[in-house]
Amino acid sequence: MGDFCNWIFCNGLIDLGYEGVPFTWSTGRTLDTLKSARLDRALCSASWRSRFDNAFATHAAKLNYDHVPVVVNTVGLSTPHPPYFKNQIAWLTYDGFENVIKRNWNPLAPI
């Protein structure tokens, strides 16, 4: 998983987040054996995100498989979401990370 997270970071990919059920994969037939996780994600580049700034992903209803479909809507949000920031711990290892934050952080920017 660490290699995959590093690949996402190195390629500058952004997780679109999601609406819907919190997990995209599950297995088990009883509560005692049930396991679930958010394995499937919608990722994009910064240029794609700026082109489709209202895009979002939905975890659709589970069919007959152990994964739910992830549907990307590029038209607009179904419900308003405030902007959010997610920090990747790997960013802290980047030389000059602190300077990037200092140059770009604007505490007076509207949320």
PDB file of N, CA and C in Angstrom:
ATOM      1  N   MET A   1       0.828  -1.192   0.000  1.00  0.00           N
ATOM      2  CA  MET A   1       0.000   0.000   0.000  1.00  0.00           C
ATOM      3  C   MET A   1       0.869   1.251   0.000  1.00  0.00           C
ATOM      4  N   GLY A   2       1.997   1.180   0.679  1.00  0.00           N
ATOM      5  CA  GLY A   2       2.897   2.324   0.720  1.00  0.00           C
ATOM      6  C   GLY A   2       3.401   2.702  -0.662  1.00  0.00           C
ATOM      7  N   ASP A   3       3.725   1.699  -1.490  1.00  0.00           N
ATOM      8  CA  ASP A   3       4.176   1.970  -2.854  1.00  0.00           C
ATOM      9  C   ASP A   3       3.078   2.648  -3.667  1.00  0.00           C
ATOM     10  N   PHE A   4       1.840   2.201  -3.485  1.00  0.00           N
ATOM     11  CA  PHE A   4       0.726   2.791  -4.219  1.00  0.00           C
ATOM     12  C   PHE A   4       0.515   4.243  -3.787  1.00  0.00           C
ATOM     13  N   CYS A   5       0.557   4.506  -2.490  1.00  0.00           N
ATOM     14  CA  CYS A   5       0.414   5.883  -1.991  1.00  0.00           C
ATOM     15  C   CYS A   5       1.545   6.762  -2.520  1.00  0.00           C
ATOM     16  N   ASN A   6       2.753   6.223  -2.581  1.00  0.00           N
ATOM     17  CA  ASN A   6       3.889   6.966  -3.117  1.00  0.00           C
ATOM     18  C   ASN A   6       3.679   7.266  -4.605  1.00  0.00           C
ATOM     19  N   TRP A   7       3.157   6.291  -5.361  1.00  0.00           N
ATOM     20  CA  TRP A   7       2.876   6.490  -6.781  1.00  0.00           C
ATOM     21  C   TRP A   7       1.843   7.598  -6.971  1.00  0.00           C
ATOM     22  N   ILE A   8       0.791   7.603  -6.143  1.00  0.00           N
ATOM     23  CA  ILE A   8      -0.226   8.656  -6.210  1.00  0.00           C
ATOM     24  C   ILE A   8       0.423  10.017  -5.959  1.00  0.00           C
ATOM     25  N   PHE A   9       1.250  10.094  -4.926  1.00  0.00           N
ATOM     26  CA  PHE A   9       1.929  11.344  -4.574  1.00  0.00           C
ATOM     27  C   PHE A   9       2.866  11.796  -5.689  1.00  0.00           C
ATOM     28  N   CYS A  10       3.692  10.888  -6.206  1.00  0.00           N
ATOM     29  CA  CYS A  10       4.676  11.237  -7.243  1.00  0.00           C
ATOM     30  C   CYS A  10       4.006  11.701  -8.529  1.00  0.00           C
ATOM     31  N   ASN A  11       2.813  11.220  -8.802  1.00  0.00           N
ATOM     32  CA  ASN A  11       2.093  11.613 -10.008  1.00  0.00           C
ATOM     33  C   ASN A  11       1.136  12.773  -9.762  1.00  0.00           C
ATOM     34  N   GLY A  12       1.132  13.291  -8.550  1.00  0.00           N
ATOM     35  CA  GLY A  12       0.319  14.459  -8.237  1.00  0.00           C
ATOM     36  C   GLY A  12      -1.175  14.213  -8.370  1.00  0.00           C
ATOM     37  N   LEU A  13      -1.613  13.009  -8.056  1.00  0.00           N
ATOM     38  CA  LEU A  13      -3.026  12.687  -8.202  1.00  0.00           C
ATOM     39  C   LEU A  13      -3.834  13.148  -6.995  1.00  0.00           C
ATOM     40  N   ILE A  14      -5.088  13.465  -7.253  1.00  0.00           N
ATOM     41  CA  ILE A  14      -6.011  13.985  -6.244  1.00  0.00           C
ATOM     42  C   ILE A  14      -7.166  13.014  -6.111  1.00  0.00           C
ATOM     43  N   ASP A  15      -7.522  12.685  -4.884  1.00  0.00           N
ATOM     44  CA  ASP A  15      -8.684  11.843  -4.615  1.00  0.00           C
ATOM     45  C   ASP A  15      -9.926  12.723  -4.669  1.00  0.00           C
ATOM     46  N   LEU A  16     -10.898  12.356  -5.488  1.00  0.00           N
ATOM     47  CA  LEU A  16     -12.117  13.153  -5.617  1.00  0.00           C
ATOM     48  C   LEU A  16     -13.028  13.055  -4.396  1.00  0.00           C
ATOM     49  N   GLY A  17     -12.732  12.168  -3.481  1.00  0.00           N
ATOM     50  CA  GLY A  17     -13.654  11.959  -2.370  1.00  0.00           C
ATOM     51  C   GLY A  17     -14.847  11.157  -2.863  1.00  0.00           C
ATOM     52  N   TYR A  18     -15.945  11.178  -2.107  1.00  0.00           N
ATOM     53  CA  TYR A  18     -17.096  10.393  -2.528  1.00  0.00           C
ATOM     54  C   TYR A  18     -18.344  10.822  -1.804  1.00  0.00           C
ATOM     55  N   GLU A  19     -19.468  10.430  -2.375  1.00  0.00           N
ATOM     56  CA  GLU A  19     -20.772  10.465  -1.716  1.00  0.00           C
ATOM     57  C   GLU A  19     -21.262   9.032  -1.685  1.00  0.00           C
ATOM     58  N   GLY A  20     -22.102   8.709  -0.740  1.00  0.00           N
ATOM     59  CA  GLY A  20     -22.671   7.358  -0.691  1.00  0.00           C
ATOM     60  C   GLY A  20     -22.091   6.536   0.430  1.00  0.00           C
ATOM     61  N   VAL A  21     -22.180   5.229   0.268  1.00  0.00           N
ATOM     62  CA  VAL A  21     -21.720   4.309   1.307  1.00  0.00           C
ATOM     63  C   VAL A  21     -20.217   4.488   1.515  1.00  0.00           C
ATOM     64  N   PRO A  22     -19.736   4.318   2.763  1.00  0.00           N
ATOM     65  CA  PRO A  22     -18.327   4.600   3.028  1.00  0.00           C
ATOM     66  C   PRO A  22     -17.350   3.550   2.494  1.00  0.00           C
ATOM     67  N   PHE A  23     -17.811   2.339   2.231  1.00  0.00           N
ATOM     68  CA  PHE A  23     -16.900   1.274   1.812  1.00  0.00           C
ATOM     69  C   PHE A  23     -17.221   0.823   0.395  1.00  0.00           C
ATOM     70  N   THR A  24     -16.174   0.485  -0.371  1.00  0.00           N
ATOM     71  CA  THR A  24     -16.375   0.032  -1.749  1.00  0.00           C
ATOM     72  C   THR A  24     -16.166  -1.469  -1.897  1.00  0.00           C
ATOM     73  N   TRP A  25     -15.741  -2.120  -0.860  1.00  0.00           N
ATOM     74  CA  TRP A  25     -15.500  -3.563  -0.894  1.00  0.00           C
ATOM     75  C   TRP A  25     -15.955  -4.163   0.422  1.00  0.00           C
ATOM     76  N   SER A  26     -16.540  -5.326   0.339  1.00  0.00           N
ATOM     77  CA  SER A  26     -16.897  -6.054   1.571  1.00  0.00           C
ATOM     78  C   SER A  26     -16.927  -7.538   1.286  1.00  0.00           C
ATOM     79  N   THR A  27     -16.725  -8.308   2.338  1.00  0.00           N
ATOM     80  CA  THR A  27     -16.786  -9.755   2.257  1.00  0.00           C
ATOM     81  C   THR A  27     -17.273 -10.286   3.600  1.00  0.00           C
ATOM     82  N   GLY A  28     -17.791 -11.479   3.603  1.00  0.00           N
ATOM     83  CA  GLY A  28     -18.288 -12.102   4.827  1.00  0.00           C
ATOM     84  C   GLY A  28     -19.787 -12.282   4.766  1.00  0.00           C
ATOM     85  N   ARG A  29     -20.252 -13.341   5.370  1.00  0.00           N
ATOM     86  CA  ARG A  29     -21.680 -13.653   5.330  1.00  0.00           C
ATOM     87  C   ARG A  29     -22.402 -13.334   6.637  1.00  0.00           C
ATOM     88  N   THR A  30     -21.644 -13.121   7.701  1.00  0.00           N
ATOM     89  CA  THR A  30     -22.254 -12.797   8.997  1.00  0.00           C
ATOM     90  C   THR A  30     -21.544 -11.586   9.578  1.00  0.00           C
ATOM     91  N   LEU A  31     -22.112 -10.994  10.623  1.00  0.00           N
ATOM     92  CA  LEU A  31     -21.468  -9.851  11.271  1.00  0.00           C
ATOM     93  C   LEU A  31     -20.101 -10.224  11.831  1.00  0.00           C
ATOM     94  N   ASP A  32     -19.956 -11.484  12.261  1.00  0.00           N
ATOM     95  CA  ASP A  32     -18.674 -11.936  12.813  1.00  0.00           C
ATOM     96  C   ASP A  32     -17.586 -12.044  11.750  1.00  0.00           C
ATOM     97  N   THR A  33     -17.966 -12.320  10.502  1.00  0.00           N
ATOM     98  CA  THR A  33     -16.976 -12.492   9.442  1.00  0.00           C
ATOM     99  C   THR A  33     -16.920 -11.306   8.478  1.00  0.00           C
ATOM    100  N   LEU A  34     -17.758 -10.299   8.710  1.00  0.00           N
ATOM    101  CA  LEU A  34     -17.820  -9.145   7.802  1.00  0.00           C
ATOM    102  C   LEU A  34     -16.539  -8.318   7.871  1.00  0.00           C
ATOM    103  N   LYS A  35     -15.993  -8.025   6.705  1.00  0.00           N
ATOM    104  CA  LYS A  35     -14.853  -7.120   6.568  1.00  0.00           C
ATOM    105  C   LYS A  35     -15.182  -6.174   5.428  1.00  0.00           C
ATOM    106  N   SER A  36     -14.828  -4.908   5.589  1.00  0.00           N
ATOM    107  CA  SER A  36     -15.092  -3.932   4.532  1.00  0.00           C
ATOM    108  C   SER A  36     -14.028  -2.854   4.557  1.00  0.00           C
ATOM    109  N   ALA A  37     -13.842  -2.198   3.406  1.00  0.00           N
ATOM    110  CA  ALA A  37     -12.826  -1.145   3.279  1.00  0.00           C
ATOM    111  C   ALA A  37     -13.160  -0.280   2.076  1.00  0.00           C
ATOM    112  N   ARG A  38     -12.572   0.902   2.042  1.00  0.00           N
ATOM    113  CA  ARG A  38     -12.685   1.773   0.866  1.00  0.00           C
ATOM    114  C   ARG A  38     -11.453   1.536  -0.004  1.00  0.00           C
ATOM    115  N   LEU A  39     -11.541   0.527  -0.856  1.00  0.00           N
ATOM    116  CA  LEU A  39     -10.415   0.163  -1.708  1.00  0.00           C
ATOM    117  C   LEU A  39     -10.411   0.920  -3.031  1.00  0.00           C
ATOM    118  N   ASP A  40     -11.586   1.198  -3.566  1.00  0.00           N
ATOM    119  CA  ASP A  40     -11.714   1.807  -4.886  1.00  0.00           C
ATOM    120  C   ASP A  40     -11.876   3.318  -4.743  1.00  0.00           C
ATOM    121  N   ARG A  41     -11.166   4.051  -5.566  1.00  0.00           N
ATOM    122  CA  ARG A  41     -11.179   5.507  -5.481  1.00  0.00           C
ATOM    123  C   ARG A  41     -11.180   6.112  -6.869  1.00  0.00           C
ATOM    124  N   ALA A  42     -11.644   7.343  -6.954  1.00  0.00           N
ATOM    125  CA  ALA A  42     -11.572   8.109  -8.197  1.00  0.00           C
ATOM    126  C   ALA A  42     -10.442   9.115  -8.028  1.00  0.00           C
ATOM    127  N   LEU A  43      -9.404   8.983  -8.838  1.00  0.00           N
ATOM    128  CA  LEU A  43      -8.234   9.851  -8.773  1.00  0.00           C
ATOM    129  C   LEU A  43      -8.143  10.673 -10.055  1.00  0.00           C
ATOM    130  N   CYS A  44      -7.576  11.877  -9.946  1.00  0.00           N
ATOM    131  CA  CYS A  44      -7.408  12.717 -11.134  1.00  0.00           C
ATOM    132  C   CYS A  44      -6.168  13.587 -10.972  1.00  0.00           C
ATOM    133  N   SER A  45      -5.761  14.184 -12.074  1.00  0.00           N
ATOM    134  CA  SER A  45      -4.639  15.124 -12.046  1.00  0.00           C
ATOM    135  C   SER A  45      -5.158  16.515 -11.676  1.00  0.00           C
ATOM    136  N   ALA A  46      -4.251  17.401 -11.325  1.00  0.00           N
ATOM    137  CA  ALA A  46      -4.643  18.774 -10.984  1.00  0.00           C
ATOM    138  C   ALA A  46      -5.254  19.482 -12.191  1.00  0.00           C
ATOM    139  N   SER A  47      -4.716  19.246 -13.389  1.00  0.00           N
ATOM    140  CA  SER A  47      -5.278  19.911 -14.575  1.00  0.00           C
ATOM    141  C   SER A  47      -6.690  19.401 -14.867  1.00  0.00           C
ATOM    142  N   TRP A  48      -6.929  18.097 -14.680  1.00  0.00           N
ATOM    143  CA  TRP A  48      -8.282  17.570 -14.879  1.00  0.00           C
ATOM    144  C   TRP A  48      -9.224  18.161 -13.842  1.00  0.00           C
ATOM    145  N   ARG A  49      -8.741  18.260 -12.596  1.00  0.00           N
ATOM    146  CA  ARG A  49      -9.574  18.803 -11.514  1.00  0.00           C
ATOM    147  C   ARG A  49      -9.946  20.257 -11.789  1.00  0.00           C
ATOM    148  N   SER A  50      -9.015  21.042 -12.320  1.00  0.00           N
ATOM    149  CA  SER A  50      -9.341  22.441 -12.605  1.00  0.00           C
ATOM    150  C   SER A  50     -10.313  22.546 -13.783  1.00  0.00           C
ATOM    151  N   ARG A  51     -10.259  21.601 -14.707  1.00  0.00           N
ATOM    152  CA  ARG A  51     -11.203  21.598 -15.829  1.00  0.00           C
ATOM    153  C   ARG A  51     -12.597  21.161 -15.391  1.00  0.00           C
ATOM    154  N   PHE A  52     -12.666  20.220 -14.454  1.00  0.00           N
ATOM    155  CA  PHE A  52     -13.939  19.701 -13.951  1.00  0.00           C
ATOM    156  C   PHE A  52     -14.017  19.968 -12.449  1.00  0.00           C
ATOM    157  N   ASP A  53     -14.040  21.246 -12.075  1.00  0.00           N
ATOM    158  CA  ASP A  53     -13.948  21.608 -10.663  1.00  0.00           C
ATOM    159  C   ASP A  53     -15.175  21.218  -9.849  1.00  0.00           C
ATOM    160  N   ASN A  54     -16.303  20.918 -10.487  1.00  0.00           N
ATOM    161  CA  ASN A  54     -17.494  20.473  -9.760  1.00  0.00           C
ATOM    162  C   ASN A  54     -17.672  18.961  -9.779  1.00  0.00           C
ATOM    163  N   ALA A  55     -16.707  18.252 -10.328  1.00  0.00           N
ATOM    164  CA  ALA A  55     -16.822  16.793 -10.429  1.00  0.00           C
ATOM    165  C   ALA A  55     -16.787  16.153  -9.041  1.00  0.00           C
ATOM    166  N   PHE A  56     -17.468  15.034  -8.921  1.00  0.00           N
ATOM    167  CA  PHE A  56     -17.454  14.270  -7.681  1.00  0.00           C
ATOM    168  C   PHE A  56     -17.697  12.805  -7.994  1.00  0.00           C
ATOM    169  N   ALA A  57     -17.367  11.951  -7.053  1.00  0.00           N
ATOM    170  CA  ALA A  57     -17.559  10.512  -7.207  1.00  0.00           C
ATOM    171  C   ALA A  57     -18.653  10.040  -6.265  1.00  0.00           C
ATOM    172  N   THR A  58     -19.391   9.052  -6.711  1.00  0.00           N
ATOM    173  CA  THR A  58     -20.437   8.442  -5.901  1.00  0.00           C
ATOM    174  C   THR A  58     -20.163   6.952  -5.798  1.00  0.00           C
ATOM    175  N   HIS A  59     -20.266   6.419  -4.596  1.00  0.00           N
ATOM    176  CA  HIS A  59     -20.240   4.968  -4.408  1.00  0.00           C
ATOM    177  C   HIS A  59     -21.668   4.496  -4.621  1.00  0.00           C
ATOM    178  N   ALA A  60     -21.914   3.855  -5.730  1.00  0.00           N
ATOM    179  CA  ALA A  60     -23.268   3.438  -6.099  1.00  0.00           C
ATOM    180  C   ALA A  60     -23.687   2.202  -5.305  1.00  0.00           C
ATOM    181  N   ALA A  61     -24.905   1.772  -5.534  1.00  0.00           N
ATOM    182  CA  ALA A  61     -25.441   0.600  -4.831  1.00  0.00           C
ATOM    183  C   ALA A  61     -24.675  -0.659  -5.236  1.00  0.00           C
ATOM    184  N   LYS A  62     -24.421  -1.520  -4.264  1.00  0.00           N
ATOM    185  CA  LYS A  62     -23.718  -2.772  -4.502  1.00  0.00           C
ATOM    186  C   LYS A  62     -24.598  -3.712  -5.317  1.00  0.00           C
ATOM    187  N   LEU A  63     -23.992  -4.343  -6.297  1.00  0.00           N
ATOM    188  CA  LEU A  63     -24.714  -5.298  -7.129  1.00  0.00           C
ATOM    189  C   LEU A  63     -24.416  -6.706  -6.626  1.00  0.00           C
ATOM    190  N   ASN A  64     -24.068  -7.616  -7.494  1.00  0.00           N
ATOM    191  CA  ASN A  64     -23.793  -9.003  -7.098  1.00  0.00           C
ATOM    192  C   ASN A  64     -22.300  -9.277  -6.948  1.00  0.00           C
ATOM    193  N   TYR A  65     -21.513  -8.256  -6.739  1.00  0.00           N
ATOM    194  CA  TYR A  65     -20.070  -8.400  -6.624  1.00  0.00           C
ATOM    195  C   TYR A  65     -19.631  -7.927  -5.246  1.00  0.00           C
ATOM    196  N   ASP A  66     -18.346  -8.134  -4.940  1.00  0.00           N
ATOM    197  CA  ASP A  66     -17.857  -7.679  -3.639  1.00  0.00           C
ATOM    198  C   ASP A  66     -17.395  -6.220  -3.663  1.00  0.00           C
ATOM    199  N   HIS A  67     -17.416  -5.586  -4.832  1.00  0.00           N
ATOM    200  CA  HIS A  67     -17.079  -4.161  -4.944  1.00  0.00           C
ATOM    201  C   HIS A  67     -18.304  -3.387  -5.409  1.00  0.00           C
ATOM    202  N   VAL A  68     -18.424  -2.143  -4.942  1.00  0.00           N
ATOM    203  CA  VAL A  68     -19.503  -1.272  -5.438  1.00  0.00           C
ATOM    204  C   VAL A  68     -18.947  -0.451  -6.597  1.00  0.00           C
ATOM    205  N   PRO A  69     -19.790  -0.063  -7.549  1.00  0.00           N
ATOM    206  CA  PRO A  69     -19.318   0.800  -8.632  1.00  0.00           C
ATOM    207  C   PRO A  69     -18.987   2.200  -8.104  1.00  0.00           C
ATOM    208  N   VAL A  70     -17.928   2.783  -8.620  1.00  0.00           N
ATOM    209  CA  VAL A  70     -17.582   4.176  -8.332  1.00  0.00           C
ATOM    210  C   VAL A  70     -17.908   4.962  -9.602  1.00  0.00           C
ATOM    211  N   VAL A  71     -18.859   5.869  -9.491  1.00  0.00           N
ATOM    212  CA  VAL A  71     -19.334   6.638 -10.641  1.00  0.00           C
ATOM    213  C   VAL A  71     -18.850   8.072 -10.496  1.00  0.00           C
ATOM    214  N   VAL A  72     -18.190   8.594 -11.538  1.00  0.00           N
ATOM    215  CA  VAL A  72     -17.701   9.972 -11.526  1.00  0.00           C
ATOM    216  C   VAL A  72     -18.672  10.842 -12.317  1.00  0.00           C
ATOM    217  N   ASN A  73     -19.162  11.891 -11.679  1.00  0.00           N
ATOM    218  CA  ASN A  73     -20.073  12.852 -12.291  1.00  0.00           C
ATOM    219  C   ASN A  73     -19.271  14.122 -12.548  1.00  0.00           C
ATOM    220  N   THR A  74     -19.186  14.535 -13.819  1.00  0.00           N
ATOM    221  CA  THR A  74     -18.411  15.735 -14.156  1.00  0.00           C
ATOM    222  C   THR A  74     -19.280  16.968 -14.343  1.00  0.00           C
ATOM    223  N   VAL A  75     -20.595  16.834 -14.142  1.00  0.00           N
ATOM    224  CA  VAL A  75     -21.515  17.945 -14.384  1.00  0.00           C
ATOM    225  C   VAL A  75     -21.588  18.889 -13.199  1.00  0.00           C
ATOM    226  N   GLY A  76     -21.765  18.380 -12.012  1.00  0.00           N
ATOM    227  CA  GLY A  76     -21.869  19.247 -10.844  1.00  0.00           C
ATOM    228  C   GLY A  76     -22.217  18.467  -9.605  1.00  0.00           C
ATOM    229  N   LEU A  77     -22.155  19.132  -8.498  1.00  0.00           N
ATOM    230  CA  LEU A  77     -22.421  18.502  -7.219  1.00  0.00           C
ATOM    231  C   LEU A  77     -23.917  18.317  -7.000  1.00  0.00           C
ATOM    232  N   SER A  78     -24.268  17.187  -6.399  1.00  0.00           N
ATOM    233  CA  SER A  78     -25.669  16.964  -6.079  1.00  0.00           C
ATOM    234  C   SER A  78     -26.046  17.705  -4.798  1.00  0.00           C
ATOM    235  N   THR A  79     -25.091  17.871  -3.902  1.00  0.00           N
ATOM    236  CA  THR A  79     -25.292  18.653  -2.680  1.00  0.00           C
ATOM    237  C   THR A  79     -24.043  19.504  -2.487  1.00  0.00           C
ATOM    238  N   PRO A  80     -24.191  20.717  -1.975  1.00  0.00           N
ATOM    239  CA  PRO A  80     -23.001  21.554  -1.806  1.00  0.00           C
ATOM    240  C   PRO A  80     -22.037  20.973  -0.772  1.00  0.00           C
ATOM    241  N   HIS A  81     -20.769  21.001  -1.101  1.00  0.00           N
ATOM    242  CA  HIS A  81     -19.720  20.529  -0.192  1.00  0.00           C
ATOM    243  C   HIS A  81     -18.743  21.662   0.040  1.00  0.00           C
ATOM    244  N   PRO A  82     -18.327  21.879   1.260  1.00  0.00           N
ATOM    245  CA  PRO A  82     -17.280  22.875   1.481  1.00  0.00           C
ATOM    246  C   PRO A  82     -15.957  22.352   0.950  1.00  0.00           C
ATOM    247  N   PRO A  83     -15.077  23.222   0.521  1.00  0.00           N
ATOM    248  CA  PRO A  83     -13.763  22.750   0.091  1.00  0.00           C
ATOM    249  C   PRO A  83     -13.027  22.133   1.275  1.00  0.00           C
ATOM    250  N   TYR A  84     -12.170  21.199   1.002  1.00  0.00           N
ATOM    251  CA  TYR A  84     -11.432  20.542   2.068  1.00  0.00           C
ATOM    252  C   TYR A  84      -9.996  20.334   1.645  1.00  0.00           C
ATOM    253  N   PHE A  85      -9.160  20.128   2.597  1.00  0.00           N
ATOM    254  CA  PHE A  85      -7.749  19.882   2.357  1.00  0.00           C
ATOM    255  C   PHE A  85      -7.382  18.581   3.039  1.00  0.00           C
ATOM    256  N   LYS A  86      -6.713  17.709   2.304  1.00  0.00           N
ATOM    257  CA  LYS A  86      -6.225  16.465   2.880  1.00  0.00           C
ATOM    258  C   LYS A  86      -4.710  16.482   2.810  1.00  0.00           C
ATOM    259  N   ASN A  87      -4.086  16.172   3.908  1.00  0.00           N
ATOM    260  CA  ASN A  87      -2.645  16.157   3.982  1.00  0.00           C
ATOM    261  C   ASN A  87      -2.128  14.732   3.799  1.00  0.00           C
ATOM    262  N   GLN A  88      -1.158  14.579   2.936  1.00  0.00           N
ATOM    263  CA  GLN A  88      -0.463  13.307   2.782  1.00  0.00           C
ATOM    264  C   GLN A  88       0.820  13.405   3.602  1.00  0.00           C
ATOM    265  N   ILE A  89       1.027  12.466   4.501  1.00  0.00           N
ATOM    266  CA  ILE A  89       2.201  12.511   5.382  1.00  0.00           C
ATOM    267  C   ILE A  89       3.499  12.521   4.568  1.00  0.00           C
ATOM    268  N   ALA A  90       3.482  11.926   3.367  1.00  0.00           N
ATOM    269  CA  ALA A  90       4.676  11.904   2.515  1.00  0.00           C
ATOM    270  C   ALA A  90       5.110  13.309   2.113  1.00  0.00           C
ATOM    271  N   TRP A  91       4.178  14.255   2.063  1.00  0.00           N
ATOM    272  CA  TRP A  91       4.533  15.623   1.701  1.00  0.00           C
ATOM    273  C   TRP A  91       5.558  16.208   2.662  1.00  0.00           C
ATOM    274  N   LEU A  92       5.515  15.768   3.916  1.00  0.00           N
ATOM    275  CA  LEU A  92       6.431  16.314   4.922  1.00  0.00           C
ATOM    276  C   LEU A  92       7.878  15.934   4.642  1.00  0.00           C
ATOM    277  N   THR A  93       8.103  14.894   3.825  1.00  0.00           N
ATOM    278  CA  THR A  93       9.462  14.472   3.506  1.00  0.00           C
ATOM    279  C   THR A  93      10.046  15.256   2.328  1.00  0.00           C
ATOM    280  N   TYR A  94       9.235  16.048   1.654  1.00  0.00           N
ATOM    281  CA  TYR A  94       9.671  16.831   0.503  1.00  0.00           C
ATOM    282  C   TYR A  94      10.494  18.025   0.971  1.00  0.00           C
ATOM    283  N   ASP A  95      11.713  18.140   0.441  1.00  0.00           N
ATOM    284  CA  ASP A  95      12.543  19.303   0.774  1.00  0.00           C
ATOM    285  C   ASP A  95      11.851  20.558   0.273  1.00  0.00           C
ATOM    286  N   GLY A  96      11.685  21.513   1.132  1.00  0.00           N
ATOM    287  CA  GLY A  96      11.054  22.761   0.755  1.00  0.00           C
ATOM    288  C   GLY A  96       9.559  22.790   0.968  1.00  0.00           C
ATOM    289  N   PHE A  97       9.011  21.735   1.567  1.00  0.00           N
ATOM    290  CA  PHE A  97       7.562  21.673   1.803  1.00  0.00           C
ATOM    291  C   PHE A  97       7.088  22.870   2.625  1.00  0.00           C
ATOM    292  N   GLU A  98       7.833  23.204   3.661  1.00  0.00           N
ATOM    293  CA  GLU A  98       7.441  24.312   4.527  1.00  0.00           C
ATOM    294  C   GLU A  98       7.391  25.629   3.749  1.00  0.00           C
ATOM    295  N   ASN A  99       8.329  25.817   2.832  1.00  0.00           N
ATOM    296  CA  ASN A  99       8.331  27.040   2.019  1.00  0.00           C
ATOM    297  C   ASN A  99       7.135  27.085   1.068  1.00  0.00           C
ATOM    298  N   VAL A 100       6.745  25.942   0.536  1.00  0.00           N
ATOM    299  CA  VAL A 100       5.560  25.891  -0.335  1.00  0.00           C
ATOM    300  C   VAL A 100       4.328  26.339   0.446  1.00  0.00           C
ATOM    301  N   ILE A 101       4.197  25.851   1.669  1.00  0.00           N
ATOM    302  CA  ILE A 101       3.053  26.236   2.507  1.00  0.00           C
ATOM    303  C   ILE A 101       3.101  27.731   2.804  1.00  0.00           C
ATOM    304  N   LYS A 102       4.243  28.230   3.189  1.00  0.00           N
ATOM    305  CA  LYS A 102       4.362  29.652   3.517  1.00  0.00           C
ATOM    306  C   LYS A 102       4.030  30.546   2.320  1.00  0.00           C
ATOM    307  N   ARG A 103       4.443  30.123   1.105  1.00  0.00           N
ATOM    308  CA  ARG A 103       4.175  30.923  -0.096  1.00  0.00           C
ATOM    309  C   ARG A 103       2.710  30.879  -0.512  1.00  0.00           C
ATOM    310  N   ASN A 104       2.014  29.782  -0.217  1.00  0.00           N
ATOM    311  CA  ASN A 104       0.671  29.592  -0.761  1.00  0.00           C
ATOM    312  C   ASN A 104      -0.460  29.656   0.248  1.00  0.00           C
ATOM    313  N   TRP A 105      -0.156  29.573   1.519  1.00  0.00           N
ATOM    314  CA  TRP A 105      -1.214  29.561   2.530  1.00  0.00           C
ATOM    315  C   TRP A 105      -1.789  30.956   2.701  1.00  0.00           C
ATOM    316  N   ASN A 106      -3.093  31.066   2.640  1.00  0.00           N
ATOM    317  CA  ASN A 106      -3.764  32.340   2.830  1.00  0.00           C
ATOM    318  C   ASN A 106      -4.857  32.156   3.859  1.00  0.00           C
ATOM    319  N   PRO A 107      -4.588  32.467   5.121  1.00  0.00           N
ATOM    320  CA  PRO A 107      -5.619  32.256   6.159  1.00  0.00           C
ATOM    321  C   PRO A 107      -6.845  33.133   5.975  1.00  0.00           C
ATOM    322  N   LEU A 108      -6.763  34.167   5.141  1.00  0.00           N
ATOM    323  CA  LEU A 108      -7.901  35.053   4.916  1.00  0.00           C
ATOM    324  C   LEU A 108      -8.751  34.619   3.721  1.00  0.00           C
ATOM    325  N   ALA A 109      -8.329  33.568   3.023  1.00  0.00           N
ATOM    326  CA  ALA A 109      -9.096  33.108   1.867  1.00  0.00           C
ATOM    327  C   ALA A 109     -10.442  32.573   2.317  1.00  0.00           C
ATOM    328  N   PRO A 110     -11.506  32.843   1.523  1.00  0.00           N
ATOM    329  CA  PRO A 110     -12.828  32.323   1.923  1.00  0.00           C
ATOM    330  C   PRO A 110     -12.876  30.810   1.861  1.00  0.00           C
ATOM    331  N   ILE A 111     -13.644  30.223   2.737  1.00  0.00           N
ATOM    332  CA  ILE A 111     -13.788  28.757   2.769  1.00  0.00           C
ATOM    333  C   ILE A 111     -14.888  28.355   1.833  1.00  0.00           C
TER     334      ILE A 111
END
